[in-house]
Amino acid sequence: MSDTVRAGGAPKPMGAYPHARRVGDLLFLSGMGPRSPETDEIPGLVLGKNGEIQEYDMAAQCHAVFANVRSVLEAAGLGWGDLVDVTVFLTDMDRDFATFNRIYAEYFSDNQPCRTTVEINRLPTPIAIELKCIATTGDHGEPA
């Protein structure tokens, strides 16, 4: 049995999927990008006449994607410390990894979930980063 989470404070999904699904003691977040929940704009993005990416602000996109993940967690009654696994998709590892890693460390100074970072050719919209997260909804006690 599972239930879906739709977060009013996060951008609307780009397709037929929820922001997250709770299954047992886990919450699986759908891929989350940096779009603004209010305007659907991508922070720091400059597009050319044909819609091609000309410039983007990786720091602004990182902060926005983390805010969107937090909104989904809060809609599910969870917090930042409940994250246990984060998969990061970057479109330009050479250009953006150092900036991403520095900002990631700011957000995850107390809780350090498992993490995988991969470079991909592109994402469905003109964004430079997307996160796929798993959080625990269960007991947070120390292992025996």
N, C-alpha and C. Protein backbone atom coordinates (compact mmCIF):
# COMPACT_ATOMS: atom_id res chain seq x y z
N MET A 1 0.85 -1.18 0.00
CA MET A 1 0.00 0.00 0.00
C MET A 1 0.89 1.23 0.00
N SER A 2 0.51 2.23 -0.75
CA SER A 2 1.27 3.47 -0.78
C SER A 2 0.31 4.64 -0.92
N ASP A 3 0.82 5.82 -0.57
CA ASP A 3 0.02 7.01 -0.79
C ASP A 3 0.88 8.07 -1.46
N THR A 4 0.26 8.99 -2.14
CA THR A 4 1.00 10.01 -2.86
C THR A 4 1.04 11.30 -2.07
N VAL A 5 2.06 12.09 -2.37
CA VAL A 5 2.25 13.39 -1.75
C VAL A 5 2.27 14.42 -2.86
N ARG A 6 1.44 15.42 -2.72
CA ARG A 6 1.45 16.56 -3.63
C ARG A 6 1.69 17.79 -2.78
N ALA A 7 2.79 18.49 -3.07
CA ALA A 7 3.21 19.62 -2.25
C ALA A 7 2.83 20.93 -2.92
N GLY A 8 1.99 21.72 -2.26
CA GLY A 8 1.61 23.01 -2.80
C GLY A 8 2.77 23.99 -2.92
N GLY A 9 3.82 23.79 -2.11
CA GLY A 9 4.97 24.69 -2.13
C GLY A 9 6.06 24.30 -3.11
N ALA A 10 5.81 23.25 -3.90
CA ALA A 10 6.80 22.80 -4.89
C ALA A 10 6.22 23.03 -6.28
N PRO A 11 7.09 23.12 -7.30
CA PRO A 11 6.56 23.29 -8.66
C PRO A 11 5.71 22.10 -9.07
N LYS A 12 4.73 22.34 -9.92
CA LYS A 12 3.89 21.25 -10.40
C LYS A 12 4.73 20.26 -11.19
N PRO A 13 4.48 18.96 -11.03
CA PRO A 13 5.20 17.97 -11.83
C PRO A 13 5.02 18.23 -13.33
N MET A 14 6.02 17.87 -14.11
CA MET A 14 5.99 18.10 -15.55
C MET A 14 5.22 17.01 -16.30
N GLY A 15 4.73 16.03 -15.58
CA GLY A 15 4.00 14.93 -16.22
C GLY A 15 3.03 14.30 -15.25
N ALA A 16 2.59 13.10 -15.58
CA ALA A 16 1.60 12.38 -14.78
C ALA A 16 2.28 11.59 -13.66
N TYR A 17 2.74 12.31 -12.66
CA TYR A 17 3.37 11.68 -11.49
C TYR A 17 3.23 12.61 -10.29
N PRO A 18 3.27 12.05 -9.08
CA PRO A 18 3.17 12.88 -7.88
C PRO A 18 4.54 13.42 -7.49
N HIS A 19 4.56 14.33 -6.56
CA HIS A 19 5.84 14.79 -6.02
C HIS A 19 6.56 13.66 -5.30
N ALA A 20 5.79 12.80 -4.63
CA ALA A 20 6.41 11.70 -3.89
C ALA A 20 5.38 10.60 -3.64
N ARG A 21 5.88 9.43 -3.30
CA ARG A 21 5.04 8.30 -2.88
C ARG A 21 5.63 7.70 -1.62
N ARG A 22 4.75 7.48 -0.67
CA ARG A 22 5.15 6.84 0.59
C ARG A 22 4.85 5.35 0.46
N VAL A 23 5.86 4.52 0.71
CA VAL A 23 5.70 3.07 0.68
C VAL A 23 6.38 2.54 1.94
N GLY A 24 5.59 1.94 2.82
CA GLY A 24 6.15 1.46 4.09
C GLY A 24 6.77 2.62 4.85
N ASP A 25 8.01 2.43 5.28
CA ASP A 25 8.73 3.46 6.04
C ASP A 25 9.60 4.35 5.16
N LEU A 26 9.33 4.36 3.87
CA LEU A 26 10.14 5.17 2.96
C LEU A 26 9.28 6.14 2.15
N LEU A 27 9.85 7.28 1.84
CA LEU A 27 9.22 8.25 0.96
C LEU A 27 10.14 8.42 -0.25
N PHE A 28 9.61 8.14 -1.44
CA PHE A 28 10.37 8.25 -2.68
C PHE A 28 9.94 9.53 -3.38
N LEU A 29 10.87 10.49 -3.52
CA LEU A 29 10.56 11.74 -4.20
C LEU A 29 10.81 11.57 -5.69
N SER A 30 9.91 12.09 -6.50
CA SER A 30 10.14 12.14 -7.94
C SER A 30 11.29 13.10 -8.21
N GLY A 31 11.88 13.00 -9.39
CA GLY A 31 12.96 13.91 -9.75
C GLY A 31 12.54 15.36 -9.54
N MET A 32 13.37 16.11 -8.85
CA MET A 32 13.03 17.48 -8.47
C MET A 32 14.05 18.43 -9.08
N GLY A 33 13.55 19.41 -9.82
CA GLY A 33 14.41 20.41 -10.43
C GLY A 33 14.28 21.75 -9.72
N PRO A 34 14.92 22.78 -10.28
CA PRO A 34 14.95 24.09 -9.62
C PRO A 34 13.87 25.07 -10.05
N ARG A 35 12.82 24.62 -10.75
CA ARG A 35 11.79 25.56 -11.19
C ARG A 35 11.12 26.24 -9.99
N SER A 36 10.75 27.49 -10.17
CA SER A 36 10.04 28.24 -9.14
C SER A 36 8.61 27.72 -9.01
N PRO A 37 8.13 27.45 -7.79
CA PRO A 37 6.75 26.99 -7.63
C PRO A 37 5.73 28.06 -8.02
N GLU A 38 6.09 29.32 -7.88
CA GLU A 38 5.16 30.41 -8.17
C GLU A 38 5.08 30.74 -9.66
N THR A 39 6.23 30.76 -10.34
CA THR A 39 6.27 31.26 -11.71
C THR A 39 6.66 30.21 -12.75
N ASP A 40 7.16 29.07 -12.31
CA ASP A 40 7.69 28.02 -13.18
C ASP A 40 9.01 28.43 -13.85
N GLU A 41 9.55 29.59 -13.50
CA GLU A 41 10.82 30.04 -14.07
C GLU A 41 11.98 29.27 -13.44
N ILE A 42 13.06 29.19 -14.20
CA ILE A 42 14.28 28.54 -13.73
C ILE A 42 15.25 29.65 -13.34
N PRO A 43 15.68 29.69 -12.08
CA PRO A 43 16.51 30.81 -11.63
C PRO A 43 17.85 30.87 -12.37
N GLY A 44 18.22 32.08 -12.76
CA GLY A 44 19.52 32.31 -13.38
C GLY A 44 19.67 31.77 -14.79
N LEU A 45 18.57 31.42 -15.45
CA LEU A 45 18.62 30.84 -16.80
C LEU A 45 18.44 31.91 -17.86
N VAL A 46 19.32 31.89 -18.86
CA VAL A 46 19.20 32.76 -20.02
C VAL A 46 19.12 31.86 -21.24
N LEU A 47 18.01 31.96 -21.98
CA LEU A 47 17.82 31.17 -23.19
C LEU A 47 18.02 32.02 -24.43
N GLY A 48 18.51 31.38 -25.50
CA GLY A 48 18.65 32.05 -26.78
C GLY A 48 17.33 32.09 -27.52
N LYS A 49 17.34 32.66 -28.72
CA LYS A 49 16.12 32.80 -29.53
C LYS A 49 15.45 31.47 -29.82
N ASN A 50 16.24 30.42 -29.97
CA ASN A 50 15.69 29.10 -30.31
C ASN A 50 15.49 28.21 -29.09
N GLY A 51 15.56 28.81 -27.89
CA GLY A 51 15.34 28.05 -26.67
C GLY A 51 16.55 27.33 -26.14
N GLU A 52 17.72 27.55 -26.76
CA GLU A 52 18.93 26.90 -26.28
C GLU A 52 19.50 27.63 -25.07
N ILE A 53 20.09 26.87 -24.17
CA ILE A 53 20.68 27.46 -22.96
C ILE A 53 21.91 28.26 -23.36
N GLN A 54 21.91 29.55 -22.99
CA GLN A 54 23.07 30.39 -23.25
C GLN A 54 23.89 30.59 -21.97
N GLU A 55 23.19 30.65 -20.85
CA GLU A 55 23.85 30.90 -19.59
C GLU A 55 22.95 30.43 -18.46
N TYR A 56 23.56 29.98 -17.36
CA TYR A 56 22.77 29.65 -16.18
C TYR A 56 23.61 29.83 -14.93
N ASP A 57 22.93 30.03 -13.82
CA ASP A 57 23.55 30.26 -12.52
C ASP A 57 23.40 28.97 -11.71
N MET A 58 24.47 28.20 -11.62
CA MET A 58 24.40 26.91 -10.93
C MET A 58 24.07 27.09 -9.45
N ALA A 59 24.63 28.08 -8.81
CA ALA A 59 24.35 28.28 -7.38
C ALA A 59 22.86 28.56 -7.17
N ALA A 60 22.28 29.40 -7.99
CA ALA A 60 20.85 29.71 -7.86
C ALA A 60 20.01 28.45 -8.10
N GLN A 61 20.39 27.63 -9.07
CA GLN A 61 19.64 26.41 -9.32
C GLN A 61 19.79 25.42 -8.16
N CYS A 62 20.97 25.33 -7.56
CA CYS A 62 21.15 24.44 -6.41
C CYS A 62 20.26 24.86 -5.25
N HIS A 63 20.29 26.13 -4.90
CA HIS A 63 19.46 26.60 -3.78
C HIS A 63 17.97 26.35 -4.07
N ALA A 64 17.55 26.57 -5.31
CA ALA A 64 16.15 26.37 -5.67
C ALA A 64 15.75 24.90 -5.60
N VAL A 65 16.60 24.01 -6.07
CA VAL A 65 16.25 22.59 -6.05
C VAL A 65 16.18 22.10 -4.60
N PHE A 66 17.07 22.57 -3.74
CA PHE A 66 17.02 22.17 -2.33
C PHE A 66 15.75 22.70 -1.66
N ALA A 67 15.33 23.91 -2.01
CA ALA A 67 14.09 24.46 -1.46
C ALA A 67 12.89 23.62 -1.92
N ASN A 68 12.90 23.17 -3.17
CA ASN A 68 11.80 22.35 -3.67
C ASN A 68 11.75 20.99 -2.99
N VAL A 69 12.91 20.39 -2.77
CA VAL A 69 12.95 19.10 -2.06
C VAL A 69 12.41 19.29 -0.64
N ARG A 70 12.83 20.36 0.01
CA ARG A 70 12.36 20.63 1.38
C ARG A 70 10.83 20.79 1.41
N SER A 71 10.26 21.45 0.42
CA SER A 71 8.81 21.63 0.36
C SER A 71 8.07 20.30 0.27
N VAL A 72 8.60 19.38 -0.52
CA VAL A 72 7.97 18.07 -0.64
C VAL A 72 8.11 17.29 0.67
N LEU A 73 9.28 17.33 1.27
CA LEU A 73 9.47 16.66 2.56
C LEU A 73 8.48 17.20 3.60
N GLU A 74 8.37 18.51 3.68
CA GLU A 74 7.47 19.12 4.67
C GLU A 74 6.01 18.77 4.39
N ALA A 75 5.63 18.68 3.13
CA ALA A 75 4.26 18.29 2.79
C ALA A 75 3.96 16.87 3.24
N ALA A 76 5.01 16.06 3.36
CA ALA A 76 4.86 14.68 3.81
C ALA A 76 5.05 14.56 5.33
N GLY A 77 5.24 15.69 6.01
CA GLY A 77 5.43 15.67 7.45
C GLY A 77 6.84 15.28 7.86
N LEU A 78 7.80 15.46 6.96
CA LEU A 78 9.18 15.08 7.22
C LEU A 78 10.07 16.31 7.15
N GLY A 79 11.35 16.11 7.44
CA GLY A 79 12.31 17.19 7.40
C GLY A 79 13.58 16.76 6.71
N TRP A 80 14.50 17.70 6.62
CA TRP A 80 15.77 17.50 5.93
C TRP A 80 16.53 16.30 6.50
N GLY A 81 16.48 16.12 7.80
CA GLY A 81 17.21 15.03 8.46
C GLY A 81 16.66 13.65 8.14
N ASP A 82 15.51 13.57 7.50
CA ASP A 82 14.93 12.27 7.16
C ASP A 82 15.45 11.72 5.83
N LEU A 83 16.18 12.53 5.07
CA LEU A 83 16.74 12.04 3.80
C LEU A 83 17.80 10.98 4.08
N VAL A 84 17.73 9.88 3.34
CA VAL A 84 18.72 8.81 3.49
C VAL A 84 19.51 8.54 2.22
N ASP A 85 18.99 9.00 1.06
CA ASP A 85 19.69 8.75 -0.20
C ASP A 85 19.34 9.86 -1.18
N VAL A 86 20.37 10.39 -1.85
CA VAL A 86 20.19 11.45 -2.84
C VAL A 86 20.95 11.07 -4.10
N THR A 87 20.24 11.05 -5.22
CA THR A 87 20.89 10.87 -6.52
C THR A 87 20.86 12.22 -7.23
N VAL A 88 22.02 12.65 -7.70
CA VAL A 88 22.17 13.97 -8.30
C VAL A 88 22.47 13.79 -9.79
N PHE A 89 21.73 14.52 -10.62
CA PHE A 89 21.96 14.52 -12.06
C PHE A 89 22.44 15.91 -12.44
N LEU A 90 23.65 16.00 -12.99
CA LEU A 90 24.21 17.27 -13.46
C LEU A 90 24.41 17.18 -14.97
N THR A 91 24.18 18.28 -15.67
CA THR A 91 24.37 18.27 -17.12
C THR A 91 25.79 18.65 -17.52
N ASP A 92 26.59 19.19 -16.59
CA ASP A 92 27.98 19.54 -16.90
C ASP A 92 28.82 19.37 -15.64
N MET A 93 29.35 18.16 -15.46
CA MET A 93 30.11 17.83 -14.26
C MET A 93 31.34 18.74 -14.11
N ASP A 94 32.09 18.95 -15.19
CA ASP A 94 33.31 19.76 -15.11
C ASP A 94 33.00 21.18 -14.65
N ARG A 95 31.97 21.78 -15.20
CA ARG A 95 31.63 23.16 -14.89
C ARG A 95 30.98 23.31 -13.52
N ASP A 96 30.13 22.35 -13.13
CA ASP A 96 29.21 22.58 -12.02
C ASP A 96 29.46 21.77 -10.74
N PHE A 97 30.27 20.73 -10.80
CA PHE A 97 30.39 19.86 -9.62
C PHE A 97 30.92 20.60 -8.40
N ALA A 98 31.96 21.40 -8.55
CA ALA A 98 32.54 22.08 -7.38
C ALA A 98 31.52 23.01 -6.73
N THR A 99 30.78 23.77 -7.53
CA THR A 99 29.74 24.66 -6.98
C THR A 99 28.67 23.84 -6.28
N PHE A 100 28.18 22.80 -6.96
CA PHE A 100 27.15 21.95 -6.37
C PHE A 100 27.65 21.35 -5.05
N ASN A 101 28.85 20.78 -5.06
CA ASN A 101 29.37 20.09 -3.88
C ASN A 101 29.51 21.04 -2.69
N ARG A 102 29.95 22.28 -2.95
CA ARG A 102 30.08 23.28 -1.88
C ARG A 102 28.72 23.60 -1.28
N ILE A 103 27.72 23.83 -2.13
CA ILE A 103 26.39 24.19 -1.63
C ILE A 103 25.73 22.98 -0.96
N TYR A 104 25.91 21.80 -1.52
CA TYR A 104 25.38 20.57 -0.92
C TYR A 104 25.90 20.44 0.52
N ALA A 105 27.19 20.68 0.72
CA ALA A 105 27.78 20.57 2.06
C ALA A 105 27.14 21.53 3.06
N GLU A 106 26.69 22.70 2.59
CA GLU A 106 26.01 23.65 3.48
C GLU A 106 24.67 23.07 3.96
N TYR A 107 23.95 22.43 3.06
CA TYR A 107 22.63 21.89 3.39
C TYR A 107 22.72 20.58 4.18
N PHE A 108 23.80 19.86 4.00
CA PHE A 108 23.91 18.54 4.62
C PHE A 108 25.05 18.49 5.63
N SER A 109 25.22 19.54 6.41
CA SER A 109 26.27 19.53 7.42
C SER A 109 25.92 18.63 8.60
N ASP A 110 24.63 18.52 8.95
CA ASP A 110 24.22 17.69 10.08
C ASP A 110 23.83 16.28 9.64
N ASN A 111 23.02 16.18 8.63
CA ASN A 111 22.59 14.89 8.11
C ASN A 111 23.32 14.64 6.80
N GLN A 112 23.99 13.50 6.70
CA GLN A 112 24.70 13.17 5.47
C GLN A 112 24.15 11.88 4.89
N PRO A 113 23.15 12.01 3.99
CA PRO A 113 22.61 10.81 3.37
C PRO A 113 23.61 10.23 2.37
N CYS A 114 23.36 9.00 1.95
CA CYS A 114 24.14 8.43 0.86
C CYS A 114 23.91 9.30 -0.37
N ARG A 115 24.91 9.32 -1.27
CA ARG A 115 24.75 10.19 -2.45
C ARG A 115 25.46 9.58 -3.65
N THR A 116 24.83 9.72 -4.80
CA THR A 116 25.41 9.36 -6.08
C THR A 116 25.26 10.57 -6.99
N THR A 117 26.32 10.95 -7.69
CA THR A 117 26.27 12.09 -8.61
C THR A 117 26.69 11.61 -9.99
N VAL A 118 25.85 11.85 -10.97
CA VAL A 118 26.16 11.43 -12.34
C VAL A 118 25.96 12.60 -13.30
N GLU A 119 26.71 12.56 -14.39
CA GLU A 119 26.53 13.54 -15.45
C GLU A 119 25.65 12.92 -16.53
N ILE A 120 24.71 13.72 -17.01
CA ILE A 120 23.83 13.26 -18.08
C ILE A 120 23.85 14.30 -19.20
N ASN A 121 23.42 13.90 -20.39
CA ASN A 121 23.45 14.81 -21.53
C ASN A 121 22.50 15.98 -21.38
N ARG A 122 21.30 15.70 -20.90
CA ARG A 122 20.30 16.75 -20.73
C ARG A 122 19.17 16.26 -19.86
N LEU A 123 18.36 17.21 -19.43
CA LEU A 123 17.17 16.93 -18.64
C LEU A 123 15.96 17.38 -19.45
N PRO A 124 14.75 16.98 -19.06
CA PRO A 124 13.57 17.27 -19.87
C PRO A 124 13.26 18.76 -20.07
N THR A 125 13.73 19.59 -19.18
CA THR A 125 13.58 21.04 -19.32
C THR A 125 14.98 21.65 -19.26
N PRO A 126 15.17 22.92 -19.57
CA PRO A 126 16.52 23.50 -19.62
C PRO A 126 17.09 23.80 -18.23
N ILE A 127 17.25 22.76 -17.44
CA ILE A 127 17.83 22.89 -16.10
C ILE A 127 19.18 22.18 -16.08
N ALA A 128 20.02 22.55 -15.13
CA ALA A 128 21.37 21.98 -15.03
C ALA A 128 21.48 20.93 -13.94
N ILE A 129 20.43 20.80 -13.11
CA ILE A 129 20.49 19.88 -11.98
C ILE A 129 19.11 19.31 -11.70
N GLU A 130 19.08 18.06 -11.28
CA GLU A 130 17.85 17.42 -10.80
C GLU A 130 18.26 16.46 -9.68
N LEU A 131 17.43 16.38 -8.65
CA LEU A 131 17.68 15.47 -7.53
C LEU A 131 16.59 14.42 -7.46
N LYS A 132 16.98 13.20 -7.14
CA LYS A 132 16.06 12.09 -6.86
C LYS A 132 16.39 11.65 -5.45
N CYS A 133 15.41 11.72 -4.55
CA CYS A 133 15.68 11.51 -3.12
C CYS A 133 14.80 10.42 -2.53
N ILE A 134 15.34 9.79 -1.48
CA ILE A 134 14.59 8.84 -0.67
C ILE A 134 14.74 9.27 0.78
N ALA A 135 13.62 9.31 1.49
CA ALA A 135 13.63 9.67 2.91
C ALA A 135 13.00 8.53 3.71
N THR A 136 13.36 8.48 4.98
CA THR A 136 12.76 7.51 5.87
C THR A 136 11.63 8.18 6.65
N THR A 137 10.56 7.44 6.84
CA THR A 137 9.44 7.95 7.62
C THR A 137 9.34 7.22 8.95
N GLY A 138 10.25 6.28 9.16
CA GLY A 138 10.17 5.42 10.35
C GLY A 138 11.02 5.90 11.50
N ASP A 139 11.31 4.96 12.37
CA ASP A 139 12.08 5.19 13.59
C ASP A 139 13.47 5.71 13.26
N HIS A 140 13.89 6.74 14.00
CA HIS A 140 15.21 7.33 13.78
C HIS A 140 16.18 7.01 14.90
N GLY A 141 15.90 5.95 15.64
CA GLY A 141 16.77 5.57 16.74
C GLY A 141 18.10 5.04 16.24
N GLU A 142 19.06 4.97 17.13
CA GLU A 142 20.38 4.44 16.81
C GLU A 142 20.30 2.93 16.59
N PRO A 143 21.11 2.39 15.65
CA PRO A 143 21.09 0.95 15.42
C PRO A 143 21.57 0.20 16.66
N ALA A 144 21.05 -1.00 16.82
CA ALA A 144 21.42 -1.81 18.00
C ALA A 144 22.83 -2.33 17.90
